Amino acid sequence: MVSVYRWRLAPDGLATRRQLRALGLRPGGQDVVAELHRPRRRKAPLVAYLYRVDRAKPVRPMTSARAAALAAAMRARRTCPNCLTDAGYCIPRSLGMCVPCHDAPAA
């Protein structure tokens, strides 16, 4: 059974993934120990999962292979499949191509 806390009322020693990352930590395979619920009007509450800080592990260091893989993935997201140029930004998935190719009149 997972404990449920209201917004801003979680005890010390628990953190979300983003908070762990800001501390240079990661959950490290541990299960979620609590949920944080933020109420909203007319909608279901927002839910954040909390992990124990004392069981968290340090973030793995970036290796050269991981950096190269990340750079290749980002390069693929920036390359327009239509004109095959680097757009300088991530291509919007809704367009499927760079903005100039999308705005150009069809030939």
PDB file of N, CA and C in Angstrom:
ATOM      1  N   MET A   1       0.837  -1.183   0.000  1.00  0.00           N
ATOM      2  CA  MET A   1       0.000   0.000   0.000  1.00  0.00           C
ATOM      3  C   MET A   1       0.885   1.251   0.000  1.00  0.00           C
ATOM      4  N   VAL A   2       0.620   2.150  -0.884  1.00  0.00           N
ATOM      5  CA  VAL A   2       1.393   3.375  -1.033  1.00  0.00           C
ATOM      6  C   VAL A   2       0.711   4.487  -0.239  1.00  0.00           C
ATOM      7  N   SER A   3       1.489   5.225   0.537  1.00  0.00           N
ATOM      8  CA  SER A   3       0.950   6.356   1.285  1.00  0.00           C
ATOM      9  C   SER A   3       0.592   7.484   0.325  1.00  0.00           C
ATOM     10  N   VAL A   4      -0.450   8.242   0.675  1.00  0.00           N
ATOM     11  CA  VAL A   4      -0.884   9.365  -0.152  1.00  0.00           C
ATOM     12  C   VAL A   4      -0.834  10.624   0.700  1.00  0.00           C
ATOM     13  N   TYR A   5      -0.168  11.663   0.168  1.00  0.00           N
ATOM     14  CA  TYR A   5      -0.054  12.940   0.860  1.00  0.00           C
ATOM     15  C   TYR A   5      -0.646  14.022  -0.016  1.00  0.00           C
ATOM     16  N   ARG A   6      -1.185  15.053   0.627  1.00  0.00           N
ATOM     17  CA  ARG A   6      -1.671  16.211  -0.110  1.00  0.00           C
ATOM     18  C   ARG A   6      -0.487  17.095  -0.491  1.00  0.00           C
ATOM     19  N   TRP A   7      -0.738  17.995  -1.432  1.00  0.00           N
ATOM     20  CA  TRP A   7       0.268  18.898  -1.957  1.00  0.00           C
ATOM     21  C   TRP A   7       0.979  19.655  -0.840  1.00  0.00           C
ATOM     22  N   ARG A   8       2.297  19.647  -0.856  1.00  0.00           N
ATOM     23  CA  ARG A   8       3.182  20.324   0.093  1.00  0.00           C
ATOM     24  C   ARG A   8       3.159  19.738   1.507  1.00  0.00           C
ATOM     25  N   LEU A   9       2.573  18.582   1.692  1.00  0.00           N
ATOM     26  CA  LEU A   9       2.498  17.996   3.026  1.00  0.00           C
ATOM     27  C   LEU A   9       3.267  16.679   3.146  1.00  0.00           C
ATOM     28  N   ALA A  10       4.117  16.375   2.196  1.00  0.00           N
ATOM     29  CA  ALA A  10       4.922  15.156   2.257  1.00  0.00           C
ATOM     30  C   ALA A  10       6.027  15.324   3.303  1.00  0.00           C
ATOM     31  N   PRO A  11       6.366  14.264   4.016  1.00  0.00           N
ATOM     32  CA  PRO A  11       7.428  14.372   5.017  1.00  0.00           C
ATOM     33  C   PRO A  11       8.809  14.518   4.372  1.00  0.00           C
ATOM     34  N   ASP A  12       9.766  14.973   5.170  1.00  0.00           N
ATOM     35  CA  ASP A  12      11.143  15.090   4.690  1.00  0.00           C
ATOM     36  C   ASP A  12      11.691  13.696   4.392  1.00  0.00           C
ATOM     37  N   GLY A  13      12.641  13.620   3.494  1.00  0.00           N
ATOM     38  CA  GLY A  13      13.255  12.346   3.141  1.00  0.00           C
ATOM     39  C   GLY A  13      12.628  11.698   1.927  1.00  0.00           C
ATOM     40  N   LEU A  14      11.565  12.309   1.359  1.00  0.00           N
ATOM     41  CA  LEU A  14      10.939  11.817   0.143  1.00  0.00           C
ATOM     42  C   LEU A  14      11.101  12.870  -0.943  1.00  0.00           C
ATOM     43  N   ALA A  15      11.275  12.410  -2.185  1.00  0.00           N
ATOM     44  CA  ALA A  15      11.486  13.340  -3.285  1.00  0.00           C
ATOM     45  C   ALA A  15      10.959  12.741  -4.580  1.00  0.00           C
ATOM     46  N   THR A  16      10.595  13.620  -5.515  1.00  0.00           N
ATOM     47  CA  THR A  16      10.176  13.179  -6.846  1.00  0.00           C
ATOM     48  C   THR A  16      11.424  12.883  -7.677  1.00  0.00           C
ATOM     49  N   ARG A  17      11.233  12.344  -8.867  1.00  0.00           N
ATOM     50  CA  ARG A  17      12.362  12.072  -9.759  1.00  0.00           C
ATOM     51  C   ARG A  17      13.134  13.354 -10.094  1.00  0.00           C
ATOM     52  N   ARG A  18      12.410  14.426 -10.354  1.00  0.00           N
ATOM     53  CA  ARG A  18      13.081  15.685 -10.689  1.00  0.00           C
ATOM     54  C   ARG A  18      13.872  16.217  -9.507  1.00  0.00           C
ATOM     55  N   GLN A  19      13.318  16.101  -8.318  1.00  0.00           N
ATOM     56  CA  GLN A  19      14.038  16.562  -7.137  1.00  0.00           C
ATOM     57  C   GLN A  19      15.275  15.711  -6.894  1.00  0.00           C
ATOM     58  N   LEU A  20      15.156  14.401  -7.116  1.00  0.00           N
ATOM     59  CA  LEU A  20      16.328  13.522  -6.985  1.00  0.00           C
ATOM     60  C   LEU A  20      17.396  13.924  -7.999  1.00  0.00           C
ATOM     61  N   ARG A  21      16.979  14.182  -9.224  1.00  0.00           N
ATOM     62  CA  ARG A  21      17.929  14.536 -10.274  1.00  0.00           C
ATOM     63  C   ARG A  21      18.651  15.837  -9.939  1.00  0.00           C
ATOM     64  N   ALA A  22      17.923  16.793  -9.357  1.00  0.00           N
ATOM     65  CA  ALA A  22      18.546  18.058  -8.957  1.00  0.00           C
ATOM     66  C   ALA A  22      19.598  17.842  -7.869  1.00  0.00           C
ATOM     67  N   LEU A  23      19.446  16.768  -7.097  1.00  0.00           N
ATOM     68  CA  LEU A  23      20.416  16.424  -6.065  1.00  0.00           C
ATOM     69  C   LEU A  23      21.532  15.529  -6.599  1.00  0.00           C
ATOM     70  N   GLY A  24      21.466  15.175  -7.898  1.00  0.00           N
ATOM     71  CA  GLY A  24      22.474  14.303  -8.491  1.00  0.00           C
ATOM     72  C   GLY A  24      22.215  12.843  -8.186  1.00  0.00           C
ATOM     73  N   LEU A  25      20.922  12.496  -7.961  1.00  0.00           N
ATOM     74  CA  LEU A  25      20.552  11.124  -7.602  1.00  0.00           C
ATOM     75  C   LEU A  25      19.530  10.591  -8.581  1.00  0.00           C
ATOM     76  N   ARG A  26      19.286   9.273  -8.494  1.00  0.00           N
ATOM     77  CA  ARG A  26      18.266   8.591  -9.275  1.00  0.00           C
ATOM     78  C   ARG A  26      17.586   7.583  -8.365  1.00  0.00           C
ATOM     79  N   PRO A  27      16.354   7.142  -8.672  1.00  0.00           N
ATOM     80  CA  PRO A  27      15.673   6.189  -7.791  1.00  0.00           C
ATOM     81  C   PRO A  27      16.443   4.885  -7.599  1.00  0.00           C
ATOM     82  N   GLY A  28      17.151   4.422  -8.608  1.00  0.00           N
ATOM     83  CA  GLY A  28      17.997   3.237  -8.463  1.00  0.00           C
ATOM     84  C   GLY A  28      17.234   1.942  -8.266  1.00  0.00           C
ATOM     85  N   GLY A  29      16.078   1.809  -8.904  1.00  0.00           N
ATOM     86  CA  GLY A  29      15.343   0.556  -8.846  1.00  0.00           C
ATOM     87  C   GLY A  29      14.386   0.420  -7.677  1.00  0.00           C
ATOM     88  N   GLN A  30      14.342   1.381  -6.789  1.00  0.00           N
ATOM     89  CA  GLN A  30      13.426   1.283  -5.660  1.00  0.00           C
ATOM     90  C   GLN A  30      11.995   1.551  -6.108  1.00  0.00           C
ATOM     91  N   ASP A  31      11.052   0.966  -5.380  1.00  0.00           N
ATOM     92  CA  ASP A  31       9.644   1.162  -5.688  1.00  0.00           C
ATOM     93  C   ASP A  31       9.174   2.517  -5.176  1.00  0.00           C
ATOM     94  N   VAL A  32       8.059   2.981  -5.707  1.00  0.00           N
ATOM     95  CA  VAL A  32       7.437   4.208  -5.246  1.00  0.00           C
ATOM     96  C   VAL A  32       6.966   3.971  -3.813  1.00  0.00           C
ATOM     97  N   VAL A  33       7.294   4.892  -2.901  1.00  0.00           N
ATOM     98  CA  VAL A  33       6.899   4.726  -1.498  1.00  0.00           C
ATOM     99  C   VAL A  33       5.701   5.581  -1.136  1.00  0.00           C
ATOM    100  N   ALA A  34       5.404   6.622  -1.920  1.00  0.00           N
ATOM    101  CA  ALA A  34       4.263   7.482  -1.619  1.00  0.00           C
ATOM    102  C   ALA A  34       3.840   8.235  -2.880  1.00  0.00           C
ATOM    103  N   GLU A  35       2.634   8.763  -2.812  1.00  0.00           N
ATOM    104  CA  GLU A  35       2.120   9.602  -3.882  1.00  0.00           C
ATOM    105  C   GLU A  35       1.765  10.960  -3.305  1.00  0.00           C
ATOM    106  N   LEU A  36       1.963  11.972  -4.118  1.00  0.00           N
ATOM    107  CA  LEU A  36       1.627  13.333  -3.741  1.00  0.00           C
ATOM    108  C   LEU A  36       0.488  13.760  -4.650  1.00  0.00           C
ATOM    109  N   HIS A  37      -0.648  14.181  -4.070  1.00  0.00           N
ATOM    110  CA  HIS A  37      -1.808  14.576  -4.866  1.00  0.00           C
ATOM    111  C   HIS A  37      -2.007  16.079  -4.770  1.00  0.00           C
ATOM    112  N   ARG A  38      -2.092  16.719  -5.919  1.00  0.00           N
ATOM    113  CA  ARG A  38      -2.380  18.149  -5.973  1.00  0.00           C
ATOM    114  C   ARG A  38      -3.787  18.309  -6.522  1.00  0.00           C
ATOM    115  N   PRO A  39      -4.728  18.772  -5.701  1.00  0.00           N
ATOM    116  CA  PRO A  39      -6.111  18.878  -6.172  1.00  0.00           C
ATOM    117  C   PRO A  39      -6.272  19.946  -7.244  1.00  0.00           C
ATOM    118  N   ARG A  40      -7.234  19.690  -8.141  1.00  0.00           N
ATOM    119  CA  ARG A  40      -7.584  20.651  -9.190  1.00  0.00           C
ATOM    120  C   ARG A  40      -9.104  20.742  -9.261  1.00  0.00           C
ATOM    121  N   ARG A  41      -9.599  21.865  -9.724  1.00  0.00           N
ATOM    122  CA  ARG A  41     -11.042  22.030  -9.870  1.00  0.00           C
ATOM    123  C   ARG A  41     -11.544  21.251 -11.075  1.00  0.00           C
ATOM    124  N   ARG A  42     -12.600  20.524 -10.886  1.00  0.00           N
ATOM    125  CA  ARG A  42     -13.308  19.806 -11.955  1.00  0.00           C
ATOM    126  C   ARG A  42     -12.460  18.786 -12.709  1.00  0.00           C
ATOM    127  N   LYS A  43     -11.292  18.449 -12.190  1.00  0.00           N
ATOM    128  CA  LYS A  43     -10.434  17.456 -12.841  1.00  0.00           C
ATOM    129  C   LYS A  43      -9.848  16.539 -11.778  1.00  0.00           C
ATOM    130  N   ALA A  44      -9.332  15.443 -12.237  1.00  0.00           N
ATOM    131  CA  ALA A  44      -8.642  14.528 -11.317  1.00  0.00           C
ATOM    132  C   ALA A  44      -7.383  15.210 -10.791  1.00  0.00           C
ATOM    133  N   PRO A  45      -6.946  14.866  -9.587  1.00  0.00           N
ATOM    134  CA  PRO A  45      -5.757  15.526  -9.040  1.00  0.00           C
ATOM    135  C   PRO A  45      -4.494  15.135  -9.808  1.00  0.00           C
ATOM    136  N   LEU A  46      -3.532  16.061  -9.811  1.00  0.00           N
ATOM    137  CA  LEU A  46      -2.221  15.747 -10.361  1.00  0.00           C
ATOM    138  C   LEU A  46      -1.506  14.836  -9.371  1.00  0.00           C
ATOM    139  N   VAL A  47      -0.797  13.850  -9.863  1.00  0.00           N
ATOM    140  CA  VAL A  47      -0.132  12.875  -9.000  1.00  0.00           C
ATOM    141  C   VAL A  47       1.366  12.906  -9.263  1.00  0.00           C
ATOM    142  N   ALA A  48       2.143  12.954  -8.191  1.00  0.00           N
ATOM    143  CA  ALA A  48       3.599  12.860  -8.286  1.00  0.00           C
ATOM    144  C   ALA A  48       4.029  11.669  -7.429  1.00  0.00           C
ATOM    145  N   TYR A  49       4.929  10.884  -7.924  1.00  0.00           N
ATOM    146  CA  TYR A  49       5.408   9.712  -7.200  1.00  0.00           C
ATOM    147  C   TYR A  49       6.655  10.078  -6.412  1.00  0.00           C
ATOM    148  N   LEU A  50       6.713   9.623  -5.184  1.00  0.00           N
ATOM    149  CA  LEU A  50       7.813   9.978  -4.291  1.00  0.00           C
ATOM    150  C   LEU A  50       8.685   8.768  -3.994  1.00  0.00           C
ATOM    151  N   TYR A  51       9.983   9.012  -3.888  1.00  0.00           N
ATOM    152  CA  TYR A  51      10.982   7.988  -3.603  1.00  0.00           C
ATOM    153  C   TYR A  51      11.765   8.401  -2.367  1.00  0.00           C
ATOM    154  N   ARG A  52      12.354   7.426  -1.702  1.00  0.00           N
ATOM    155  CA  ARG A  52      13.166   7.724  -0.523  1.00  0.00           C
ATOM    156  C   ARG A  52      14.535   8.231  -0.962  1.00  0.00           C
ATOM    157  N   VAL A  53      14.947   9.343  -0.376  1.00  0.00           N
ATOM    158  CA  VAL A  53      16.234   9.953  -0.735  1.00  0.00           C
ATOM    159  C   VAL A  53      17.385   9.102  -0.217  1.00  0.00           C
ATOM    160  N   ASP A  54      17.216   8.494   0.958  1.00  0.00           N
ATOM    161  CA  ASP A  54      18.322   7.723   1.530  1.00  0.00           C
ATOM    162  C   ASP A  54      18.611   6.443   0.759  1.00  0.00           C
ATOM    163  N   ARG A  55      17.656   5.950  -0.023  1.00  0.00           N
ATOM    164  CA  ARG A  55      17.869   4.742  -0.840  1.00  0.00           C
ATOM    165  C   ARG A  55      18.271   5.068  -2.277  1.00  0.00           C
ATOM    166  N   ALA A  56      18.264   6.343  -2.629  1.00  0.00           N
ATOM    167  CA  ALA A  56      18.600   6.741  -3.998  1.00  0.00           C
ATOM    168  C   ALA A  56      20.081   6.542  -4.262  1.00  0.00           C
ATOM    169  N   LYS A  57      20.391   6.294  -5.514  1.00  0.00           N
ATOM    170  CA  LYS A  57      21.775   6.071  -5.931  1.00  0.00           C
ATOM    171  C   LYS A  57      22.259   7.257  -6.750  1.00  0.00           C
ATOM    172  N   PRO A  58      23.564   7.448  -6.838  1.00  0.00           N
ATOM    173  CA  PRO A  58      24.076   8.552  -7.656  1.00  0.00           C
ATOM    174  C   PRO A  58      23.780   8.337  -9.140  1.00  0.00           C
ATOM    175  N   VAL A  59      23.642   9.440  -9.855  1.00  0.00           N
ATOM    176  CA  VAL A  59      23.417   9.380 -11.295  1.00  0.00           C
ATOM    177  C   VAL A  59      24.646   8.786 -11.948  1.00  0.00           C
ATOM    178  N   ARG A  60      24.420   7.926 -12.933  1.00  0.00           N
ATOM    179  CA  ARG A  60      25.552   7.332 -13.651  1.00  0.00           C
ATOM    180  C   ARG A  60      26.262   8.412 -14.462  1.00  0.00           C
ATOM    181  N   PRO A  61      27.581   8.369 -14.519  1.00  0.00           N
ATOM    182  CA  PRO A  61      28.302   9.404 -15.276  1.00  0.00           C
ATOM    183  C   PRO A  61      28.085   9.244 -16.776  1.00  0.00           C
ATOM    184  N   MET A  62      28.147  10.374 -17.475  1.00  0.00           N
ATOM    185  CA  MET A  62      28.008  10.368 -18.927  1.00  0.00           C
ATOM    186  C   MET A  62      29.289   9.839 -19.553  1.00  0.00           C
ATOM    187  N   THR A  63      29.165   8.762 -20.312  1.00  0.00           N
ATOM    188  CA  THR A  63      30.327   8.202 -21.007  1.00  0.00           C
ATOM    189  C   THR A  63      30.392   8.789 -22.410  1.00  0.00           C
ATOM    190  N   SER A  64      31.501   8.593 -23.079  1.00  0.00           N
ATOM    191  CA  SER A  64      31.638   9.118 -24.434  1.00  0.00           C
ATOM    192  C   SER A  64      30.660   8.434 -25.389  1.00  0.00           C
ATOM    193  N   ALA A  65      30.394   7.145 -25.178  1.00  0.00           N
ATOM    194  CA  ALA A  65      29.452   6.421 -26.038  1.00  0.00           C
ATOM    195  C   ALA A  65      28.027   6.939 -25.832  1.00  0.00           C
ATOM    196  N   ARG A  66      27.642   7.197 -24.577  1.00  0.00           N
ATOM    197  CA  ARG A  66      26.306   7.733 -24.307  1.00  0.00           C
ATOM    198  C   ARG A  66      26.165   9.136 -24.873  1.00  0.00           C
ATOM    199  N   ALA A  67      27.205   9.952 -24.772  1.00  0.00           N
ATOM    200  CA  ALA A  67      27.174  11.304 -25.327  1.00  0.00           C
ATOM    201  C   ALA A  67      27.042  11.256 -26.844  1.00  0.00           C
ATOM    202  N   ALA A  68      27.748  10.324 -27.497  1.00  0.00           N
ATOM    203  CA  ALA A  68      27.660  10.188 -28.947  1.00  0.00           C
ATOM    204  C   ALA A  68      26.274   9.723 -29.372  1.00  0.00           C
ATOM    205  N   ALA A  69      25.691   8.792 -28.629  1.00  0.00           N
ATOM    206  CA  ALA A  69      24.347   8.310 -28.949  1.00  0.00           C
ATOM    207  C   ALA A  69      23.312   9.421 -28.774  1.00  0.00           C
ATOM    208  N   LEU A  70      23.451  10.205 -27.726  1.00  0.00           N
ATOM    209  CA  LEU A  70      22.540  11.317 -27.501  1.00  0.00           C
ATOM    210  C   LEU A  70      22.673  12.363 -28.604  1.00  0.00           C
ATOM    211  N   ALA A  71      23.895  12.665 -29.011  1.00  0.00           N
ATOM    212  CA  ALA A  71      24.112  13.629 -30.088  1.00  0.00           C
ATOM    213  C   ALA A  71      23.515  13.132 -31.398  1.00  0.00           C
ATOM    214  N   ALA A  72      23.645  11.830 -31.685  1.00  0.00           N
ATOM    215  CA  ALA A  72      23.080  11.270 -32.911  1.00  0.00           C
ATOM    216  C   ALA A  72      21.553  11.322 -32.884  1.00  0.00           C
ATOM    217  N   ALA A  73      20.952  11.058 -31.731  1.00  0.00           N
ATOM    218  CA  ALA A  73      19.493  11.107 -31.612  1.00  0.00           C
ATOM    219  C   ALA A  73      18.983  12.532 -31.808  1.00  0.00           C
ATOM    220  N   MET A  74      19.682  13.500 -31.222  1.00  0.00           N
ATOM    221  CA  MET A  74      19.271  14.891 -31.379  1.00  0.00           C
ATOM    222  C   MET A  74      19.480  15.375 -32.818  1.00  0.00           C
ATOM    223  N   ARG A  75      20.533  14.917 -33.458  1.00  0.00           N
ATOM    224  CA  ARG A  75      20.772  15.274 -34.857  1.00  0.00           C
ATOM    225  C   ARG A  75      19.646  14.721 -35.737  1.00  0.00           C
ATOM    226  N   ALA A  76      19.174  13.515 -35.449  1.00  0.00           N
ATOM    227  CA  ALA A  76      18.084  12.915 -36.217  1.00  0.00           C
ATOM    228  C   ALA A  76      16.781  13.695 -36.018  1.00  0.00           C
ATOM    229  N   ARG A  77      16.561  14.224 -34.812  1.00  0.00           N
ATOM    230  CA  ARG A  77      15.346  15.007 -34.550  1.00  0.00           C
ATOM    231  C   ARG A  77      15.393  16.365 -35.238  1.00  0.00           C
ATOM    232  N   ARG A  78      16.603  16.884 -35.517  1.00  0.00           N
ATOM    233  CA  ARG A  78      16.751  18.187 -36.163  1.00  0.00           C
ATOM    234  C   ARG A  78      16.796  18.098 -37.684  1.00  0.00           C
ATOM    235  N   THR A  79      17.024  16.917 -38.249  1.00  0.00           N
ATOM    236  CA  THR A  79      17.176  16.763 -39.694  1.00  0.00           C
ATOM    237  C   THR A  79      15.809  16.605 -40.357  1.00  0.00           C
ATOM    238  N   CYS A  80      15.547  17.465 -41.326  1.00  0.00           N
ATOM    239  CA  CYS A  80      14.282  17.425 -42.062  1.00  0.00           C
ATOM    240  C   CYS A  80      14.299  16.245 -43.033  1.00  0.00           C
ATOM    241  N   PRO A  81      13.287  15.370 -43.007  1.00  0.00           N
ATOM    242  CA  PRO A  81      13.272  14.241 -43.933  1.00  0.00           C
ATOM    243  C   PRO A  81      12.976  14.664 -45.370  1.00  0.00           C
ATOM    244  N   ASN A  82      12.471  15.865 -45.555  1.00  0.00           N
ATOM    245  CA  ASN A  82      12.122  16.334 -46.890  1.00  0.00           C
ATOM    246  C   ASN A  82      13.331  16.920 -47.624  1.00  0.00           C
ATOM    247  N   CYS A  83      14.025  17.866 -46.976  1.00  0.00           N
ATOM    248  CA  CYS A  83      15.165  18.521 -47.634  1.00  0.00           C
ATOM    249  C   CYS A  83      16.512  18.028 -47.105  1.00  0.00           C
ATOM    250  N   LEU A  84      16.514  17.180 -46.101  1.00  0.00           N
ATOM    251  CA  LEU A  84      17.700  16.548 -45.529  1.00  0.00           C
ATOM    252  C   LEU A  84      18.725  17.555 -44.993  1.00  0.00           C
ATOM    253  N   THR A  85      18.259  18.686 -44.489  1.00  0.00           N
ATOM    254  CA  THR A  85      19.154  19.665 -43.883  1.00  0.00           C
ATOM    255  C   THR A  85      18.889  19.737 -42.385  1.00  0.00           C
ATOM    256  N   ASP A  86      19.901  20.203 -41.659  1.00  0.00           N
ATOM    257  CA  ASP A  86      19.766  20.402 -40.222  1.00  0.00           C
ATOM    258  C   ASP A  86      19.015  21.707 -40.009  1.00  0.00           C
ATOM    259  N   ALA A  87      17.825  21.621 -39.439  1.00  0.00           N
ATOM    260  CA  ALA A  87      16.972  22.800 -39.272  1.00  0.00           C
ATOM    261  C   ALA A  87      17.458  23.701 -38.149  1.00  0.00           C
ATOM    262  N   GLY A  88      18.271  23.185 -37.241  1.00  0.00           N
ATOM    263  CA  GLY A  88      18.741  23.982 -36.119  1.00  0.00           C
ATOM    264  C   GLY A  88      17.798  23.931 -34.934  1.00  0.00           C
ATOM    265  N   TYR A  89      16.698  23.204 -35.067  1.00  0.00           N
ATOM    266  CA  TYR A  89      15.727  23.017 -33.994  1.00  0.00           C
ATOM    267  C   TYR A  89      15.092  21.647 -34.192  1.00  0.00           C
ATOM    268  N   CYS A  90      14.439  21.144 -33.186  1.00  0.00           N
ATOM    269  CA  CYS A  90      13.761  19.855 -33.314  1.00  0.00           C
ATOM    270  C   CYS A  90      12.550  20.016 -34.220  1.00  0.00           C
ATOM    271  N   ILE A  91      12.448  19.154 -35.216  1.00  0.00           N
ATOM    272  CA  ILE A  91      11.352  19.211 -36.173  1.00  0.00           C
ATOM    273  C   ILE A  91      10.050  18.901 -35.443  1.00  0.00           C
ATOM    274  N   PRO A  92       9.012  19.736 -35.593  1.00  0.00           N
ATOM    275  CA  PRO A  92       7.730  19.439 -34.940  1.00  0.00           C
ATOM    276  C   PRO A  92       7.139  18.148 -35.486  1.00  0.00           C
ATOM    277  N   ARG A  93       6.713  17.272 -34.596  1.00  0.00           N
ATOM    278  CA  ARG A  93       6.131  16.000 -35.024  1.00  0.00           C
ATOM    279  C   ARG A  93       4.816  16.216 -35.743  1.00  0.00           C
ATOM    280  N   SER A  94       4.128  17.306 -35.413  1.00  0.00           N
ATOM    281  CA  SER A  94       2.849  17.578 -36.061  1.00  0.00           C
ATOM    282  C   SER A  94       3.035  17.929 -37.539  1.00  0.00           C
ATOM    283  N   LEU A  95       4.176  18.515 -37.885  1.00  0.00           N
ATOM    284  CA  LEU A  95       4.442  18.871 -39.280  1.00  0.00           C
ATOM    285  C   LEU A  95       5.149  17.750 -40.022  1.00  0.00           C
ATOM    286  N   GLY A  96       6.079  17.084 -39.355  1.00  0.00           N
ATOM    287  CA  GLY A  96       6.823  16.005 -39.991  1.00  0.00           C
ATOM    288  C   GLY A  96       7.957  16.486 -40.878  1.00  0.00           C
ATOM    289  N   MET A  97       8.152  17.797 -40.958  1.00  0.00           N
ATOM    290  CA  MET A  97       9.219  18.382 -41.758  1.00  0.00           C
ATOM    291  C   MET A  97       9.510  19.763 -41.208  1.00  0.00           C
ATOM    292  N   CYS A  98      10.576  20.394 -41.690  1.00  0.00           N
ATOM    293  CA  CYS A  98      10.916  21.728 -41.197  1.00  0.00           C
ATOM    294  C   CYS A  98       9.847  22.733 -41.643  1.00  0.00           C
ATOM    295  N   VAL A  99       9.798  23.851 -40.974  1.00  0.00           N
ATOM    296  CA  VAL A  99       8.762  24.855 -41.258  1.00  0.00           C
ATOM    297  C   VAL A  99       8.863  25.399 -42.682  1.00  0.00           C
ATOM    298  N   PRO A 100      10.070  25.732 -43.211  1.00  0.00           N
ATOM    299  CA  PRO A 100      10.116  26.209 -44.607  1.00  0.00           C
ATOM    300  C   PRO A 100       9.587  25.186 -45.606  1.00  0.00           C
ATOM    301  N   CYS A 101       9.881  23.904 -45.406  1.00  0.00           N
ATOM    302  CA  CYS A 101       9.352  22.878 -46.330  1.00  0.00           C
ATOM    303  C   CYS A 101       7.833  22.776 -46.194  1.00  0.00           C
ATOM    304  N   HIS A 102       7.334  22.910 -44.995  1.00  0.00           N
ATOM    305  CA  HIS A 102       5.898  22.810 -44.767  1.00  0.00           C
ATOM    306  C   HIS A 102       5.168  24.011 -45.370  1.00  0.00           C
ATOM    307  N   ASP A 103       5.772  25.202 -45.259  1.00  0.00           N
ATOM    308  CA  ASP A 103       5.124  26.411 -45.765  1.00  0.00           C
ATOM    309  C   ASP A 103       5.282  26.615 -47.261  1.00  0.00           C
ATOM    310  N   ALA A 104       6.227  25.903 -47.880  1.00  0.00           N
ATOM    311  CA  ALA A 104       6.450  26.042 -49.321  1.00  0.00           C
ATOM    312  C   ALA A 104       5.244  25.484 -50.074  1.00  0.00           C
ATOM    313  N   PRO A 105       4.824  26.173 -51.158  1.00  0.00           N
ATOM    314  CA  PRO A 105       3.685  25.653 -51.926  1.00  0.00           C
ATOM    315  C   PRO A 105       4.027  24.320 -52.593  1.00  0.00           C
ATOM    316  N   ALA A 106       3.059  23.450 -52.647  1.00  0.00           N
ATOM    317  CA  ALA A 106       3.267  22.128 -53.264  1.00  0.00           C
ATOM    318  C   ALA A 106       3.509  22.281 -54.760  1.00  0.00           C
ATOM    319  N   ALA A 107       4.499  21.552 -55.258  1.00  0.00           N
ATOM    320  CA  ALA A 107       4.838  21.661 -56.686  1.00  0.00           C
ATOM    321  C   ALA A 107       4.028  20.697 -57.498  1.00  0.00           C
TER     322      ALA A 107
END
